Protein backbone atom coordinates (compact mmCIF):
# COMPACT_ATOMS: atom_id res chain seq x y z
CA MET A 1 6.82 -15.95 -13.29
CA ILE A 2 6.04 -12.62 -11.65
CA GLY A 3 2.50 -11.28 -11.35
CA ILE A 4 1.87 -7.55 -11.01
CA THR A 5 -1.61 -6.48 -9.93
CA SER A 6 -3.22 -3.08 -9.59
CA ALA A 7 -6.62 -1.56 -8.73
CA VAL A 8 -7.65 -4.26 -6.26
CA HIS A 9 -9.30 -1.15 -4.84
CA GLY A 10 -11.08 0.40 -7.79
CA ASN A 11 -10.01 4.01 -7.25
CA GLU A 12 -6.31 3.24 -6.76
CA LEU A 13 -5.12 4.32 -10.19
CA ALA A 14 -1.39 4.89 -9.76
CA GLY A 15 -0.66 1.17 -10.07
CA ILE A 16 -2.39 1.09 -13.46
CA PHE A 17 -0.13 3.87 -14.73
CA CYS A 18 2.93 2.10 -13.32
CA SER A 19 1.94 -1.14 -15.07
CA GLN A 20 1.40 0.73 -18.33
CA LYS A 21 4.87 2.25 -18.03
CA LEU A 22 6.41 -1.19 -17.46
CA ILE A 23 4.52 -2.74 -20.38
CA ASN A 24 5.73 0.00 -22.72
CA ALA A 25 9.31 -0.10 -21.45
CA ILE A 26 10.00 -3.85 -21.39
CA ASP A 27 11.03 -5.52 -24.65
CA PRO A 28 9.64 -9.10 -24.71
CA VAL A 29 12.69 -10.17 -26.74
CA ASP A 30 14.90 -9.47 -23.72
CA LEU A 31 12.49 -10.96 -21.16
CA SER A 32 13.29 -14.35 -19.63
CA GLY A 33 10.34 -16.05 -18.01
CA THR A 34 6.77 -14.81 -17.75
CA LEU A 35 5.49 -11.45 -16.59
CA ILE A 36 1.73 -11.19 -16.02
CA PHE A 37 -0.08 -7.89 -15.53
CA VAL A 38 -3.60 -7.68 -14.13
CA LEU A 39 -4.12 -3.97 -14.60
CA CYS A 40 -7.57 -3.74 -13.00
CA VAL A 41 -8.42 -6.46 -10.49
CA ASN A 42 -11.62 -4.69 -9.42
CA PRO A 43 -13.40 -3.46 -12.60
CA LEU A 44 -16.68 -2.80 -10.77
CA GLY A 45 -15.00 -0.49 -8.28
CA PHE A 46 -12.98 1.13 -11.06
CA SER A 47 -16.07 1.98 -13.10
CA GLY A 48 -17.86 3.22 -9.98
CA PHE A 49 -14.99 5.51 -8.85
CA THR A 50 -14.74 3.69 -5.52
CA ARG A 51 -12.32 1.42 -3.68
CA TYR A 52 -15.09 -1.06 -2.92
CA PHE A 53 -16.59 -4.02 -4.77
CA THR A 54 -20.16 -3.81 -6.16
CA PRO A 55 -20.51 -0.03 -5.56
CA GLY A 56 -23.96 1.20 -4.61
CA ILE A 57 -25.03 -2.24 -3.41
CA THR A 58 -22.67 -3.16 -0.60
CA GLN A 59 -19.39 -1.60 0.42
CA LYS A 60 -17.30 -4.76 0.47
CA ASP A 61 -13.52 -4.44 0.46
CA LEU A 62 -12.32 -6.97 -2.11
CA ASN A 63 -8.89 -6.91 -0.48
CA ARG A 64 -10.33 -8.46 2.67
CA HIS A 65 -11.89 -11.46 0.90
CA PHE A 66 -8.87 -13.44 -0.35
CA PRO A 67 -8.38 -16.33 -0.89
CA GLY A 68 -12.16 -16.28 -1.27
CA PHE A 69 -14.86 -18.96 -1.28
CA SER A 70 -16.68 -20.60 -4.16
CA ASN A 71 -20.05 -20.56 -2.36
CA ARG A 72 -20.23 -17.26 -0.49
CA ASP A 73 -21.17 -13.68 -1.49
CA SER A 74 -20.13 -12.10 -4.78
CA ALA A 75 -16.90 -10.53 -3.49
CA ALA A 76 -15.73 -13.83 -1.95
CA GLN A 77 -16.61 -15.73 -5.13
CA PHE A 78 -14.81 -13.21 -7.33
CA ALA A 79 -11.72 -13.38 -5.11
CA TRP A 80 -11.83 -17.20 -5.20
CA PHE A 81 -12.08 -17.25 -9.00
CA LEU A 82 -9.10 -14.90 -9.39
CA MET A 83 -7.03 -16.94 -6.95
CA GLU A 84 -7.86 -20.27 -8.60
CA LYS A 85 -7.44 -19.18 -12.22
CA ILE A 86 -4.69 -16.54 -12.10
CA PHE A 87 -3.04 -15.51 -8.86
CA SER A 88 -2.14 -18.98 -7.55
CA GLN A 89 -0.04 -19.49 -10.72
CA PHE A 90 2.40 -16.73 -9.74
CA GLN A 91 5.86 -17.54 -8.39
CA TYR A 92 6.33 -13.99 -7.08
CA HIS A 93 3.86 -11.15 -6.74
CA ILE A 94 3.83 -7.34 -6.54
CA ASP A 95 0.54 -5.63 -5.63
CA LEU A 96 0.28 -1.90 -6.43
CA HIS A 97 -1.94 0.21 -4.16
CA THR A 98 -2.57 3.76 -2.94
CA ALA A 99 -4.14 5.34 0.14
CA SER A 100 -7.87 5.31 0.89
CA PHE A 101 -10.13 8.22 -0.07
CA GLY A 102 -9.20 11.38 1.83
CA ASP A 103 -5.73 10.05 2.77
CA ILE A 104 -2.25 10.21 1.30
CA ASN A 105 0.51 7.60 1.66
CA SER A 106 4.24 7.84 1.52
CA PHE A 107 5.98 5.68 -1.09
CA TYR A 108 6.16 2.58 1.08
CA VAL A 109 6.08 -1.23 0.95
CA ARG A 110 4.12 -3.62 3.15
CA VAL A 111 5.88 -6.97 3.48
CA ASN A 112 6.12 -9.97 5.75
CA ARG A 113 9.85 -9.89 6.34
CA ASN A 114 9.68 -13.40 7.81
CA ASP A 115 9.67 -14.44 4.14
CA PRO A 116 13.29 -13.83 3.07
CA ILE A 117 12.49 -13.63 -0.65
CA ALA A 118 9.67 -11.14 -0.10
CA ALA A 119 12.04 -9.12 2.11
CA ILE A 120 14.59 -8.95 -0.73
CA MET A 121 11.87 -7.85 -3.16
CA ALA A 122 10.83 -5.06 -0.79
CA ASP A 123 14.42 -3.90 -0.39
CA LEU A 124 14.88 -3.79 -4.19
CA ILE A 125 11.90 -1.44 -4.57
CA PHE A 126 13.89 0.97 -2.35
CA PRO A 127 10.87 2.90 -1.02
CA GLN A 128 10.79 5.65 1.55
CA ILE A 129 9.49 3.25 4.22
CA ILE A 130 9.41 -0.54 4.53
CA LEU A 131 6.71 -1.77 6.93
CA HIS A 132 6.97 -5.29 8.34
CA ASP A 133 3.35 -6.49 8.26
CA PRO A 134 2.81 -10.24 8.80
CA ARG A 135 -0.96 -10.01 9.32
CA ASN A 136 -3.32 -12.47 7.68
CA ASP A 137 -6.23 -10.11 7.08
CA GLY A 138 -7.79 -11.34 3.83
CA ALA A 139 -5.55 -9.17 1.66
CA LEU A 140 -4.26 -10.59 -1.61
CA ARG A 141 -0.68 -10.25 -0.37
CA SER A 142 -1.28 -12.28 2.79
CA ALA A 143 -3.34 -14.92 0.94
CA LEU A 144 -0.54 -15.52 -1.55
CA GLY A 145 2.02 -15.54 1.27
CA ALA A 146 0.03 -18.29 2.97
CA LYS A 147 0.38 -20.31 -0.25
CA GLY A 148 4.17 -19.87 -0.18
CA ILE A 149 4.20 -17.22 -2.92
CA PRO A 150 6.42 -14.25 -1.94
CA SER A 151 4.29 -11.12 -2.22
CA ILE A 152 4.74 -7.43 -1.45
CA CYS A 153 2.37 -4.46 -1.50
CA VAL A 154 3.72 -1.17 -2.91
CA GLU A 155 1.83 1.98 -1.88
CA LEU A 156 1.88 4.93 -4.30
CA GLY A 157 0.36 8.05 -2.73
CA PRO A 158 -3.30 9.20 -2.88
CA PRO A 159 -6.22 7.50 -4.70
CA GLN A 160 -7.91 8.50 -7.97
CA VAL A 161 -4.77 10.36 -9.17
CA CYS A 162 -1.35 9.53 -10.57
CA ASN A 163 1.63 10.60 -8.45
CA LEU A 164 4.17 10.57 -11.26
CA GLN A 165 7.20 10.58 -8.96
CA TYR A 166 5.98 7.52 -7.09
CA VAL A 167 5.03 5.78 -10.34
CA ASN A 168 8.56 6.34 -11.66
CA TRP A 169 10.14 5.10 -8.42
CA ALA A 170 7.96 1.97 -8.44
CA HIS A 171 8.78 1.34 -12.11
CA GLU A 172 12.50 1.52 -11.36
CA GLY A 173 12.15 -0.70 -8.30
CA ILE A 174 10.22 -3.38 -10.18
CA ARG A 175 12.87 -3.32 -12.90
CA ARG A 176 15.45 -4.06 -10.18
CA VAL A 177 13.31 -7.00 -9.00
CA LEU A 178 13.20 -8.39 -12.55
CA THR A 179 16.96 -8.09 -12.83
CA HIS A 180 17.46 -9.81 -9.47
CA PHE A 181 15.47 -12.83 -10.70
CA ASN A 182 17.45 -12.84 -13.99
CA MET A 183 14.29 -12.04 -15.92
CA TYR A 184 15.50 -8.83 -17.54
CA PRO A 185 18.94 -7.31 -18.28
CA PRO A 186 20.34 -4.64 -15.96
CA SER A 187 19.54 -1.06 -16.88
CA GLU A 188 20.06 2.45 -15.58
CA PHE A 189 17.49 1.52 -12.92
CA SER A 190 19.60 -1.31 -11.51
CA GLY A 191 21.42 0.90 -9.03
CA ILE A 192 20.07 2.22 -5.74
CA PRO A 193 18.71 5.80 -6.01
CA SER A 194 20.82 8.24 -4.04
CA ASP A 195 17.80 10.31 -2.98
CA LEU A 196 15.96 7.47 -1.20
CA ASN A 197 16.93 6.05 2.18
CA PRO A 198 14.30 3.54 3.37
CA THR A 199 13.18 3.57 6.98
CA LEU A 200 12.40 0.08 8.30
CA CYS A 201 9.36 -0.05 10.57
CA VAL A 202 8.59 -3.13 12.63
CA ASN A 203 4.99 -2.09 13.32
CA SER A 204 2.51 0.73 12.79
CA LYS A 205 -0.62 2.19 14.34
CA TRP A 206 -3.47 4.36 13.06
CA LEU A 207 -4.55 7.10 15.46
CA PHE A 208 -8.19 8.23 15.71
CA SER A 209 -9.68 11.57 16.67
CA PRO A 210 -11.92 11.43 19.76
CA VAL A 211 -13.88 14.48 18.53
CA GLY A 212 -15.26 15.68 15.22
CA GLY A 213 -14.58 19.00 13.52
CA LEU A 214 -12.08 20.50 11.11
CA ILE A 215 -8.78 18.70 11.61
CA GLU A 216 -5.29 19.87 10.70
CA VAL A 217 -2.74 17.04 10.61
CA LEU A 218 0.69 18.60 11.06
CA PRO A 219 3.37 16.01 10.13
CA GLU A 220 4.09 15.55 6.46
CA ILE A 221 4.32 12.02 5.09
CA ASN A 222 7.72 10.38 5.54
CA SER A 223 8.62 12.83 8.34
CA PHE A 224 9.78 11.76 11.79
CA ILE A 225 7.64 12.37 14.87
CA LYS A 226 8.87 12.89 18.42
CA LYS A 227 7.08 11.85 21.58
CA GLY A 228 5.09 14.83 22.90
CA GLN A 229 4.97 16.56 19.50
CA ILE A 230 1.64 18.11 18.47
CA ILE A 231 0.48 16.05 15.48
CA ALA A 232 -3.12 17.21 15.03
CA ILE A 233 -5.40 20.10 15.95
CA VAL A 234 -9.20 19.92 15.71
CA LYS A 235 -11.25 23.11 15.50
CA ASP A 236 -14.97 23.77 15.51
CA ILE A 237 -16.71 25.53 12.62
CA TYR A 238 -15.83 28.92 14.14
CA GLY A 239 -12.12 28.16 14.31
CA SER A 240 -11.84 27.56 18.06
CA VAL A 241 -9.47 24.74 19.05
CA ILE A 242 -11.42 21.90 20.70
CA TYR A 243 -8.74 19.21 20.73
CA THR A 244 -4.98 18.97 20.43
CA HIS A 245 -3.33 15.58 19.93
CA HIS A 246 0.22 15.00 21.22
CA SER A 247 2.15 11.97 20.03
CA GLU A 248 2.67 9.26 22.63
CA TRP A 249 5.65 7.76 20.76
CA ASP A 250 8.60 8.46 18.52
CA GLY A 251 7.84 7.32 14.98
CA ILE A 252 7.45 8.24 11.32
CA CYS A 253 4.39 9.37 9.37
CA ILE A 254 3.49 6.61 6.90
CA SER A 255 0.03 7.90 5.93
CA ARG A 256 -2.11 10.84 6.92
CA LEU A 257 -5.52 12.39 6.41
CA LEU A 258 -5.86 15.09 3.74
CA ASN A 259 -9.60 15.70 4.04
CA PRO A 260 -10.01 18.31 6.82
CA VAL A 261 -13.57 17.26 7.70
CA ALA A 262 -13.31 14.75 10.54
CA MET A 263 -16.07 12.79 12.23
CA THR A 264 -15.67 11.48 15.76
CA GLY A 265 -13.52 8.37 15.49
CA GLN A 266 -11.91 9.53 12.22
CA ARG A 267 -8.47 8.01 11.66
CA PHE A 268 -6.01 10.76 10.87
CA ILE A 269 -2.44 9.47 10.88
CA GLN A 270 -0.59 6.15 10.57
CA VAL A 271 2.59 6.15 12.63
CA GLY A 272 5.36 3.65 11.93
CA PHE A 273 7.74 2.45 14.63
CA GLN A 274 11.39 1.63 13.96
CA LYS A 275 11.80 -0.63 16.96
CA ASN A 276 9.72 -2.55 19.46
CA GLN A 277 9.17 0.15 22.04
CA GLU A 278 7.64 -0.80 25.37
CA MET A 279 4.56 1.20 24.40
CA LEU A 280 3.88 -1.14 21.49
CA SER A 281 2.52 -3.75 23.89
CA LYS A 282 -0.53 -1.48 24.19
CA LEU A 283 -1.23 -1.40 20.43
């Protein structure tokens, strides 16, 4: 049994479109085993055009409340109910996400590569970047991993839109996962795409602007960054440069800010690291 979830954050729509594509493409006659889709995990956030749970009341991130509690606040109770009734029944799990508001992601997978089955699932998606992320931070992926259920998180670009290229890539990758588990016959998607070459990152770090203003983030997503390279410029309202950020490490741009309006402390780029550099001890 494989569970595929989307819209844990209510404005992350690309996963819904990917699930729809899979539902329409897969013939149940040829399916071995059970495939469960939860197309909108967070209906309150979805209807409120926000990533959060109970919009307008409290800005609670549902994806920080798993596995949940039966006697806590509404988000924790909702997470607990979903875990008890649905998610804990999965044998394997794929969670479809996008970036937060104002950001854009590469096509990448978060996975705890200490789980060999989850690592294989991530490899079969064949994304642009694979990020080893073993944290236990209340996310659905980490909560299922703690229960021994291999789980990966697939990131599909910006929120509240459908990046059709990423949706198609994720669809093809999930079809390869189904074939690997002998759940669905091989298809034209069974091979590895020639135009994707995943970069494996062992860690990542978000960088934050020490000043507010109009920020220009220079690296494109999925582009490599060199130590000393200028990666962001902040200007005041008149266009004068008030801050220039140079990278302290070599890395790759996993996610970046699109919204040019930056407050002090605004995160603006997520840098992935391909190896354990000495600098990483400071992260």
